PDB file of N, CA and C in Angstrom:
ATOM      1  N   MET A   1       4.162 -19.213  -5.616  1.00  0.00           N
ATOM      2  CA  MET A   1       4.156 -18.112  -6.656  1.00  0.00           C
ATOM      3  C   MET A   1       3.437 -16.870  -6.185  1.00  0.00           C
ATOM      4  N   THR A   2       3.626 -15.760  -7.099  1.00  0.00           N
ATOM      5  CA  THR A   2       4.038 -14.207  -7.027  1.00  0.00           C
ATOM      6  C   THR A   2       2.313 -14.002  -6.332  1.00  0.00           C
ATOM      7  N   TRP A   3       2.429 -13.348  -4.964  1.00  0.00           N
ATOM      8  CA  TRP A   3       1.255 -12.610  -4.975  1.00  0.00           C
ATOM      9  C   TRP A   3       0.671 -10.744  -4.900  1.00  0.00           C
ATOM     10  N   TYR A   4       0.028 -10.365  -5.020  1.00  0.00           N
ATOM     11  CA  TYR A   4      -0.336  -8.947  -4.773  1.00  0.00           C
ATOM     12  C   TYR A   4      -1.374  -8.211  -4.026  1.00  0.00           C
ATOM     13  N   ARG A   5      -0.362  -7.218  -3.246  1.00  0.00           N
ATOM     14  CA  ARG A   5      -2.160  -6.654  -2.351  1.00  0.00           C
ATOM     15  C   ARG A   5      -2.127  -5.497  -3.370  1.00  0.00           C
ATOM     16  N   ILE A   6      -3.096  -4.829  -3.411  1.00  0.00           N
ATOM     17  CA  ILE A   6      -3.212  -3.236  -4.270  1.00  0.00           C
ATOM     18  C   ILE A   6      -4.909  -2.823  -3.417  1.00  0.00           C
ATOM     19  N   SER A   7      -3.647  -1.630  -3.199  1.00  0.00           N
ATOM     20  CA  SER A   7      -4.817  -0.723  -1.993  1.00  0.00           C
ATOM     21  C   SER A   7      -5.130   1.030  -2.614  1.00  0.00           C
ATOM     22  N   LYS A   8      -6.099   1.009  -2.769  1.00  0.00           N
ATOM     23  CA  LYS A   8      -6.356   2.232  -3.069  1.00  0.00           C
ATOM     24  C   LYS A   8      -6.928   3.320  -2.500  1.00  0.00           C
ATOM     25  N   SER A   9      -6.834   4.571  -2.412  1.00  0.00           N
ATOM     26  CA  SER A   9      -8.142   5.510  -1.752  1.00  0.00           C
ATOM     27  C   SER A   9      -7.491   6.726  -2.016  1.00  0.00           C
ATOM     28  N   ILE A  10      -8.723   7.480  -1.489  1.00  0.00           N
ATOM     29  CA  ILE A  10      -8.467   9.168  -2.056  1.00  0.00           C
ATOM     30  C   ILE A  10      -7.576   9.822  -1.272  1.00  0.00           C
ATOM     31  N   VAL A  11      -7.297  10.536  -1.879  1.00  0.00           N
ATOM     32  CA  VAL A  11      -5.965  11.611  -1.137  1.00  0.00           C
ATOM     33  C   VAL A  11      -6.691  12.856  -1.082  1.00  0.00           C
ATOM     34  N   LEU A  12      -6.381  13.148   0.379  1.00  0.00           N
ATOM     35  CA  LEU A  12      -6.683  14.675   1.115  1.00  0.00           C
ATOM     36  C   LEU A  12      -5.732  15.118   1.072  1.00  0.00           C
ATOM     37  N   ASP A  13      -4.857  14.809   1.624  1.00  0.00           N
ATOM     38  CA  ASP A  13      -3.340  16.217   1.459  1.00  0.00           C
ATOM     39  C   ASP A  13      -1.879  15.140   0.758  1.00  0.00           C
ATOM     40  N   ALA A  14      -1.680  15.682  -0.048  1.00  0.00           N
ATOM     41  CA  ALA A  14      -0.675  14.914  -0.899  1.00  0.00           C
ATOM     42  C   ALA A  14       0.656  14.904  -0.057  1.00  0.00           C
ATOM     43  N   ASP A  15       0.790  16.142   0.456  1.00  0.00           N
ATOM     44  CA  ASP A  15       1.847  16.536   0.994  1.00  0.00           C
ATOM     45  C   ASP A  15       2.368  15.900   2.509  1.00  0.00           C
ATOM     46  N   LYS A  16       1.228  15.818   3.292  1.00  0.00           N
ATOM     47  CA  LYS A  16       1.086  14.673   4.610  1.00  0.00           C
ATOM     48  C   LYS A  16       1.053  13.204   4.073  1.00  0.00           C
ATOM     49  N   MET A  17       0.702  12.748   2.910  1.00  0.00           N
ATOM     50  CA  MET A  17       1.019  11.251   2.166  1.00  0.00           C
ATOM     51  C   MET A  17       2.194  10.999   2.110  1.00  0.00           C
ATOM     52  N   GLU A  18       2.999  12.001   1.754  1.00  0.00           N
ATOM     53  CA  GLU A  18       4.526  11.840   0.869  1.00  0.00           C
ATOM     54  C   GLU A  18       5.302  12.226   2.505  1.00  0.00           C
ATOM     55  N   ALA A  19       4.869  12.758   3.316  1.00  0.00           N
ATOM     56  CA  ALA A  19       5.517  12.783   4.370  1.00  0.00           C
ATOM     57  C   ALA A  19       5.573  11.086   5.206  1.00  0.00           C
ATOM     58  N   ILE A  20       4.438  10.947   5.454  1.00  0.00           N
ATOM     59  CA  ILE A  20       4.064   9.638   5.901  1.00  0.00           C
ATOM     60  C   ILE A  20       4.964   8.469   5.304  1.00  0.00           C
ATOM     61  N   ALA A  21       5.058   8.230   3.845  1.00  0.00           N
ATOM     62  CA  ALA A  21       5.611   7.499   3.487  1.00  0.00           C
ATOM     63  C   ALA A  21       6.709   8.016   3.511  1.00  0.00           C
ATOM     64  N   ASN A  22       7.780   8.941   3.921  1.00  0.00           N
ATOM     65  CA  ASN A  22       8.897   9.096   3.582  1.00  0.00           C
ATOM     66  C   ASN A  22       9.562   8.109   5.505  1.00  0.00           C
ATOM     67  N   ASP A  23       8.515   8.739   6.125  1.00  0.00           N
ATOM     68  CA  ASP A  23       9.159   8.524   7.782  1.00  0.00           C
ATOM     69  C   ASP A  23       8.592   7.096   7.675  1.00  0.00           C
ATOM     70  N   SER A  24       7.944   6.688   6.565  1.00  0.00           N
ATOM     71  CA  SER A  24       7.668   5.098   7.095  1.00  0.00           C
ATOM     72  C   SER A  24       8.839   3.931   6.231  1.00  0.00           C
ATOM     73  N   ARG A  25       9.500   4.570   5.511  1.00  0.00           N
ATOM     74  CA  ARG A  25      10.416   3.570   4.518  1.00  0.00           C
ATOM     75  C   ARG A  25      11.020   3.054   4.798  1.00  0.00           C
ATOM     76  N   GLU A  26      11.598   2.753   6.124  1.00  0.00           N
ATOM     77  CA  GLU A  26      12.629   1.887   6.439  1.00  0.00           C
ATOM     78  C   GLU A  26      11.489   0.647   6.825  1.00  0.00           C
ATOM     79  N   ALA A  27      10.136   1.165   7.598  1.00  0.00           N
ATOM     80  CA  ALA A  27       9.420  -0.283   8.095  1.00  0.00           C
ATOM     81  C   ALA A  27       9.162  -0.981   6.887  1.00  0.00           C
ATOM     82  N   VAL A  28       8.624  -0.262   5.888  1.00  0.00           N
ATOM     83  CA  VAL A  28       7.800  -0.462   4.681  1.00  0.00           C
ATOM     84  C   VAL A  28       8.993  -1.754   3.755  1.00  0.00           C
ATOM     85  N   SER A  29      10.257  -1.148   3.871  1.00  0.00           N
ATOM     86  CA  SER A  29      11.563  -1.241   2.839  1.00  0.00           C
ATOM     87  C   SER A  29      11.642  -3.105   3.575  1.00  0.00           C
ATOM     88  N   ALA A  30      11.434  -3.157   4.711  1.00  0.00           N
ATOM     89  CA  ALA A  30      11.921  -4.582   5.845  1.00  0.00           C
ATOM     90  C   ALA A  30      10.750  -5.504   5.201  1.00  0.00           C
ATOM     91  N   LEU A  31       9.581  -5.047   5.102  1.00  0.00           N
ATOM     92  CA  LEU A  31       8.475  -6.530   4.652  1.00  0.00           C
ATOM     93  C   LEU A  31       8.736  -7.758   3.840  1.00  0.00           C
ATOM     94  N   GLY A  32       9.381  -7.787   2.941  1.00  0.00           N
ATOM     95  CA  GLY A  32       9.426  -8.673   2.437  1.00  0.00           C
ATOM     96  C   GLY A  32       9.332  -8.162   0.981  1.00  0.00           C
ATOM     97  N   ALA A  33       8.425  -7.582   0.296  1.00  0.00           N
ATOM     98  CA  ALA A  33       8.006  -7.417  -0.540  1.00  0.00           C
ATOM     99  C   ALA A  33       8.740  -7.410  -1.994  1.00  0.00           C
ATOM    100  N   ASP A  34       8.820  -8.046  -3.002  1.00  0.00           N
ATOM    101  CA  ASP A  34       9.720  -7.714  -4.265  1.00  0.00           C
ATOM    102  C   ASP A  34       9.758  -6.482  -4.656  1.00  0.00           C
ATOM    103  N   SER A  35       8.699  -5.225  -4.714  1.00  0.00           N
ATOM    104  CA  SER A  35       8.709  -4.130  -5.065  1.00  0.00           C
ATOM    105  C   SER A  35       7.192  -3.675  -4.101  1.00  0.00           C
ATOM    106  N   ILE A  36       7.046  -2.715  -3.916  1.00  0.00           N
ATOM    107  CA  ILE A  36       6.026  -1.500  -3.465  1.00  0.00           C
ATOM    108  C   ILE A  36       6.131  -0.522  -3.991  1.00  0.00           C
ATOM    109  N   GLU A  37       5.050   0.014  -4.786  1.00  0.00           N
ATOM    110  CA  GLU A  37       4.851   1.078  -5.921  1.00  0.00           C
ATOM    111  C   GLU A  37       3.886   2.124  -5.419  1.00  0.00           C
ATOM    112  N   VAL A  38       3.874   3.263  -5.465  1.00  0.00           N
ATOM    113  CA  VAL A  38       2.772   3.778  -5.236  1.00  0.00           C
ATOM    114  C   VAL A  38       2.474   4.632  -6.429  1.00  0.00           C
ATOM    115  N   ALA A  39       0.791   4.517  -7.236  1.00  0.00           N
ATOM    116  CA  ALA A  39       0.438   5.368  -8.165  1.00  0.00           C
ATOM    117  C   ALA A  39      -0.466   6.626  -7.791  1.00  0.00           C
ATOM    118  N   THR A  40      -0.280   7.873  -8.200  1.00  0.00           N
ATOM    119  CA  THR A  40      -0.905   8.527  -7.799  1.00  0.00           C
ATOM    120  C   THR A  40      -2.110   9.219  -9.065  1.00  0.00           C
ATOM    121  N   GLY A  41      -3.488   9.017  -9.496  1.00  0.00           N
ATOM    122  CA  GLY A  41      -4.357   8.543 -10.348  1.00  0.00           C
ATOM    123  C   GLY A  41      -4.850  10.505 -10.666  1.00  0.00           C
ATOM    124  N   GLU A  42      -5.259  10.465 -11.688  1.00  0.00           N
ATOM    125  CA  GLU A  42      -5.466  12.046 -12.391  1.00  0.00           C
ATOM    126  C   GLU A  42      -6.861  12.293 -11.478  1.00  0.00           C
ATOM    127  N   ASP A  43      -7.750  10.952 -10.613  1.00  0.00           N
ATOM    128  CA  ASP A  43      -8.951  10.984  -9.882  1.00  0.00           C
ATOM    129  C   ASP A  43      -8.429  11.478  -8.761  1.00  0.00           C
ATOM    130  N   GLY A  44      -7.508  11.968  -8.071  1.00  0.00           N
ATOM    131  CA  GLY A  44      -7.227  12.219  -6.805  1.00  0.00           C
ATOM    132  C   GLY A  44      -7.234  11.289  -5.734  1.00  0.00           C
ATOM    133  N   THR A  45      -6.787   9.699  -6.581  1.00  0.00           N
ATOM    134  CA  THR A  45      -6.668   8.351  -5.789  1.00  0.00           C
ATOM    135  C   THR A  45      -4.651   8.325  -5.584  1.00  0.00           C
ATOM    136  N   ALA A  46      -4.786   7.706  -4.844  1.00  0.00           N
ATOM    137  CA  ALA A  46      -3.418   6.828  -4.713  1.00  0.00           C
ATOM    138  C   ALA A  46      -4.017   5.261  -4.602  1.00  0.00           C
ATOM    139  N   THR A  47      -2.819   4.440  -5.227  1.00  0.00           N
ATOM    140  CA  THR A  47      -3.033   2.822  -5.393  1.00  0.00           C
ATOM    141  C   THR A  47      -1.613   2.800  -5.179  1.00  0.00           C
ATOM    142  N   VAL A  48      -1.333   1.779  -4.269  1.00  0.00           N
ATOM    143  CA  VAL A  48      -0.267   1.122  -3.833  1.00  0.00           C
ATOM    144  C   VAL A  48      -0.148   0.003  -3.911  1.00  0.00           C
ATOM    145  N   ILE A  49       0.753  -0.742  -4.711  1.00  0.00           N
ATOM    146  CA  ILE A  49       0.889  -1.807  -5.519  1.00  0.00           C
ATOM    147  C   ILE A  49       2.060  -2.818  -5.203  1.00  0.00           C
ATOM    148  N   ALA A  50       1.633  -3.535  -4.633  1.00  0.00           N
ATOM    149  CA  ALA A  50       2.030  -4.518  -3.184  1.00  0.00           C
ATOM    150  C   ALA A  50       3.113  -5.824  -3.729  1.00  0.00           C
ATOM    151  N   ARG A  51       3.931  -6.279  -4.498  1.00  0.00           N
ATOM    152  CA  ARG A  51       4.164  -7.273  -5.262  1.00  0.00           C
ATOM    153  C   ARG A  51       5.129  -8.181  -4.025  1.00  0.00           C
ATOM    154  N   TYR A  52       4.564  -9.427  -3.539  1.00  0.00           N
ATOM    155  CA  TYR A  52       5.537 -10.212  -2.805  1.00  0.00           C
ATOM    156  C   TYR A  52       5.700 -11.477  -3.354  1.00  0.00           C
ATOM    157  N   PRO A  53       6.817 -12.545  -3.062  1.00  0.00           N
ATOM    158  CA  PRO A  53       6.927 -13.529  -3.503  1.00  0.00           C
ATOM    159  C   PRO A  53       6.014 -14.983  -3.120  1.00  0.00           C
ATOM    160  N   ASP A  54       5.390 -14.915  -1.946  1.00  0.00           N
ATOM    161  CA  ASP A  54       4.501 -15.825  -2.454  1.00  0.00           C
ATOM    162  C   ASP A  54       3.499 -15.099  -0.420  1.00  0.00           C
ATOM    163  N   LYS A  55       2.659 -16.178  -0.834  1.00  0.00           N
ATOM    164  CA  LYS A  55       1.177 -15.400   0.195  1.00  0.00           C
ATOM    165  C   LYS A  55       1.778 -15.352   1.583  1.00  0.00           C
ATOM    166  N   ALA A  56       2.817 -16.333   2.070  1.00  0.00           N
ATOM    167  CA  ALA A  56       3.049 -15.912   3.566  1.00  0.00           C
ATOM    168  C   ALA A  56       3.599 -14.474   3.531  1.00  0.00           C
ATOM    169  N   SER A  57       4.681 -14.327   2.880  1.00  0.00           N
ATOM    170  CA  SER A  57       5.591 -12.818   3.226  1.00  0.00           C
ATOM    171  C   SER A  57       4.175 -11.575   3.021  1.00  0.00           C
ATOM    172  N   MET A  58       3.238 -11.998   1.790  1.00  0.00           N
ATOM    173  CA  MET A  58       2.129 -10.492   2.200  1.00  0.00           C
ATOM    174  C   MET A  58       1.319 -11.008   3.354  1.00  0.00           C
ATOM    175  N   GLU A  59       1.044 -12.159   4.152  1.00  0.00           N
ATOM    176  CA  GLU A  59       0.081 -12.157   5.143  1.00  0.00           C
ATOM    177  C   GLU A  59       1.046 -11.225   6.385  1.00  0.00           C
ATOM    178  N   ALA A  60       2.499 -12.063   6.220  1.00  0.00           N
ATOM    179  CA  ALA A  60       3.458 -11.193   7.135  1.00  0.00           C
ATOM    180  C   ALA A  60       3.200  -9.825   7.482  1.00  0.00           C
ATOM    181  N   ALA A  61       3.387  -9.308   6.172  1.00  0.00           N
ATOM    182  CA  ALA A  61       3.603  -7.534   6.157  1.00  0.00           C
ATOM    183  C   ALA A  61       2.419  -7.257   6.409  1.00  0.00           C
ATOM    184  N   ALA A  62       1.279  -7.584   6.716  1.00  0.00           N
ATOM    185  CA  ALA A  62      -0.099  -7.137   6.687  1.00  0.00           C
ATOM    186  C   ALA A  62      -0.317  -6.213   8.186  1.00  0.00           C
ATOM    187  N   GLU A  63       0.405  -6.209   9.091  1.00  0.00           N
ATOM    188  CA  GLU A  63      -0.129  -5.587  10.446  1.00  0.00           C
ATOM    189  C   GLU A  63       1.081  -4.605  10.285  1.00  0.00           C
ATOM    190  N   THR A  64       2.008  -4.532   9.364  1.00  0.00           N
ATOM    191  CA  THR A  64       2.849  -3.365   9.445  1.00  0.00           C
ATOM    192  C   THR A  64       2.375  -2.339   8.231  1.00  0.00           C
ATOM    193  N   ALA A  65       1.998  -2.809   7.105  1.00  0.00           N
ATOM    194  CA  ALA A  65       0.975  -2.052   6.028  1.00  0.00           C
ATOM    195  C   ALA A  65      -0.301  -1.558   6.590  1.00  0.00           C
ATOM    196  N   LYS A  66      -0.547  -2.177   7.312  1.00  0.00           N
ATOM    197  CA  LYS A  66      -2.431  -1.452   8.283  1.00  0.00           C
ATOM    198  C   LYS A  66      -1.665  -0.551   8.970  1.00  0.00           C
ATOM    199  N   SER A  67      -0.688  -0.330   9.616  1.00  0.00           N
ATOM    200  CA  SER A  67      -0.167   0.371  10.497  1.00  0.00           C
ATOM    201  C   SER A  67      -0.206   1.902   9.580  1.00  0.00           C
ATOM    202  N   VAL A  68       1.027   1.583   8.510  1.00  0.00           N
ATOM    203  CA  VAL A  68       0.728   3.149   7.794  1.00  0.00           C
ATOM    204  C   VAL A  68      -0.318   3.615   7.547  1.00  0.00           C
ATOM    205  N   PHE A  69      -1.353   2.796   7.080  1.00  0.00           N
ATOM    206  CA  PHE A  69      -2.495   2.775   6.495  1.00  0.00           C
ATOM    207  C   PHE A  69      -3.161   3.595   7.465  1.00  0.00           C
ATOM    208  N   MET A  70      -3.334   3.245   8.688  1.00  0.00           N
ATOM    209  CA  MET A  70      -4.024   3.841   9.541  1.00  0.00           C
ATOM    210  C   MET A  70      -3.492   5.373  10.021  1.00  0.00           C
ATOM    211  N   ARG A  71      -2.335   5.292  10.256  1.00  0.00           N
ATOM    212  CA  ARG A  71      -1.767   6.612  10.463  1.00  0.00           C
ATOM    213  C   ARG A  71      -1.641   7.714   9.324  1.00  0.00           C
ATOM    214  N   MET A  72      -1.968   7.402   7.787  1.00  0.00           N
ATOM    215  CA  MET A  72      -2.991   8.423   6.613  1.00  0.00           C
ATOM    216  C   MET A  72      -3.813   8.939   7.374  1.00  0.00           C
ATOM    217  N   PHE A  73      -4.897   7.669   7.393  1.00  0.00           N
ATOM    218  CA  PHE A  73      -6.267   8.155   7.754  1.00  0.00           C
ATOM    219  C   PHE A  73      -6.017   8.704   9.069  1.00  0.00           C
ATOM    220  N   ASP A  74      -5.355   8.553  10.268  1.00  0.00           N
ATOM    221  CA  ASP A  74      -5.747   9.696  11.495  1.00  0.00           C
ATOM    222  C   ASP A  74      -4.949  10.523  11.412  1.00  0.00           C
ATOM    223  N   GLU A  75      -4.301  11.138  10.464  1.00  0.00           N
ATOM    224  CA  GLU A  75      -3.660  12.264  10.599  1.00  0.00           C
ATOM    225  C   GLU A  75      -4.134  13.313   9.301  1.00  0.00           C
ATOM    226  N   GLY A  76      -5.493  12.528   8.592  1.00  0.00           N
ATOM    227  CA  GLY A  76      -5.734  13.170   7.472  1.00  0.00           C
ATOM    228  C   GLY A  76      -5.153  12.710   6.019  1.00  0.00           C
ATOM    229  N   ALA A  77      -4.116  12.564   5.649  1.00  0.00           N
ATOM    230  CA  ALA A  77      -3.789  12.117   4.614  1.00  0.00           C
ATOM    231  C   ALA A  77      -4.660  11.680   3.588  1.00  0.00           C
ATOM    232  N   ALA A  78      -5.060  10.350   4.134  1.00  0.00           N
ATOM    233  CA  ALA A  78      -6.229   9.816   3.068  1.00  0.00           C
ATOM    234  C   ALA A  78      -8.011   9.721   3.594  1.00  0.00           C
ATOM    235  N   ASP A  79      -8.491   9.309   2.877  1.00  0.00           N
ATOM    236  CA  ASP A  79      -9.705   9.089   3.224  1.00  0.00           C
ATOM    237  C   ASP A  79      -9.660   7.875   3.641  1.00  0.00           C
ATOM    238  N   PRO A  80     -10.052   7.221   4.466  1.00  0.00           N
ATOM    239  CA  PRO A  80     -10.468   5.915   5.281  1.00  0.00           C
ATOM    240  C   PRO A  80     -11.723   5.258   4.496  1.00  0.00           C
ATOM    241  N   SER A  81     -12.854   6.090   4.349  1.00  0.00           N
ATOM    242  CA  SER A  81     -14.092   5.407   4.175  1.00  0.00           C
ATOM    243  C   SER A  81     -13.512   5.343   2.797  1.00  0.00           C
ATOM    244  N   SER A  82     -12.698   5.656   1.753  1.00  0.00           N
ATOM    245  CA  SER A  82     -12.592   5.043   0.752  1.00  0.00           C
ATOM    246  C   SER A  82     -11.767   3.854  -0.005  1.00  0.00           C
ATOM    247  N   LEU A  83     -11.080   3.623   1.165  1.00  0.00           N
ATOM    248  CA  LEU A  83     -10.249   2.685   0.942  1.00  0.00           C
ATOM    249  C   LEU A  83     -10.630   1.236   0.268  1.00  0.00           C
ATOM    250  N   GLU A  84     -10.454   0.611  -0.783  1.00  0.00           N
ATOM    251  CA  GLU A  84     -10.371  -0.694  -1.662  1.00  0.00           C
ATOM    252  C   GLU A  84      -8.944  -1.455  -1.400  1.00  0.00           C
ATOM    253  N   GLN A  85      -9.149  -2.338  -1.276  1.00  0.00           N
ATOM    254  CA  GLN A  85      -8.154  -3.450  -1.337  1.00  0.00           C
ATOM    255  C   GLN A  85      -8.562  -4.851  -2.359  1.00  0.00           C
ATOM    256  N   TRP A  86      -7.485  -5.649  -2.691  1.00  0.00           N
ATOM    257  CA  TRP A  86      -7.638  -6.560  -3.154  1.00  0.00           C
ATOM    258  C   TRP A  86      -5.815  -7.064  -3.172  1.00  0.00           C
ATOM    259  N   THR A  87      -6.353  -8.767  -3.207  1.00  0.00           N
ATOM    260  CA  THR A  87      -5.107  -9.642  -3.019  1.00  0.00           C
ATOM    261  C   THR A  87      -5.392 -10.435  -3.959  1.00  0.00           C
ATOM    262  N   GLY A  88      -4.278 -11.182  -4.751  1.00  0.00           N
ATOM    263  CA  GLY A  88      -4.946 -12.235  -5.753  1.00  0.00           C
ATOM    264  C   GLY A  88      -3.161 -12.965  -6.133  1.00  0.00           C
ATOM    265  N   GLU A  89      -3.405 -13.903  -6.863  1.00  0.00           N
ATOM    266  CA  GLU A  89      -2.144 -14.449  -6.738  1.00  0.00           C
ATOM    267  C   GLU A  89      -1.847 -14.829  -8.231  1.00  0.00           C
ATOM    268  N   VAL A  90      -0.690 -14.488  -8.919  1.00  0.00           N
ATOM    269  CA  VAL A  90      -0.057 -14.660 -10.384  1.00  0.00           C
ATOM    270  C   VAL A  90      -0.662 -15.829 -10.510  1.00  0.00           C
ATOM    271  N   THR A  91      -1.296 -15.916 -11.748  1.00  0.00           N
ATOM    272  CA  THR A  91      -1.787 -17.067 -12.599  1.00  0.00           C
ATOM    273  C   THR A  91      -1.080 -17.574 -13.936  1.00  0.00           C
ATOM    274  N   TYR A  92      -1.037 -15.859 -14.510  1.00  0.00           N
ATOM    275  CA  TYR A  92      -0.552 -16.465 -16.034  1.00  0.00           C
ATOM    276  C   TYR A  92       0.075 -15.295 -16.581  1.00  0.00           C
ATOM    277  N   THR A  93       1.530 -15.040 -16.615  1.00  0.00           N
ATOM    278  CA  THR A  93       2.530 -13.844 -17.239  1.00  0.00           C
ATOM    279  C   THR A  93       2.318 -14.113 -18.810  1.00  0.00           C
ATOM    280  N   PHE A  94       2.236 -13.237 -19.046  1.00  0.00           N
ATOM    281  CA  PHE A  94       2.598 -12.565 -21.011  1.00  0.00           C
ATOM    282  C   PHE A  94       3.889 -12.647 -21.047  1.00  0.00           C
TER     283      PHE A  94
END
């Protein structure tokens, strides 16, 4: 069954965040996700919505995803204290 990992943080430097995302594109593309999208809110946050075919794929992607987030935090692109994460399995589709 499909699983989602949704991560949200405050953007400190949108240009740095975009540069890191572009630099990480190849590694992120190899994670086995069905899709990974980033939405930027009017409140200054960025939300990463990653959809995986199953829980095992989501768990296998965790270390790579963590390293991309750590780089964003270390390079001042996002506020590490603002990180919120949620994971869940799709149980119903309209």
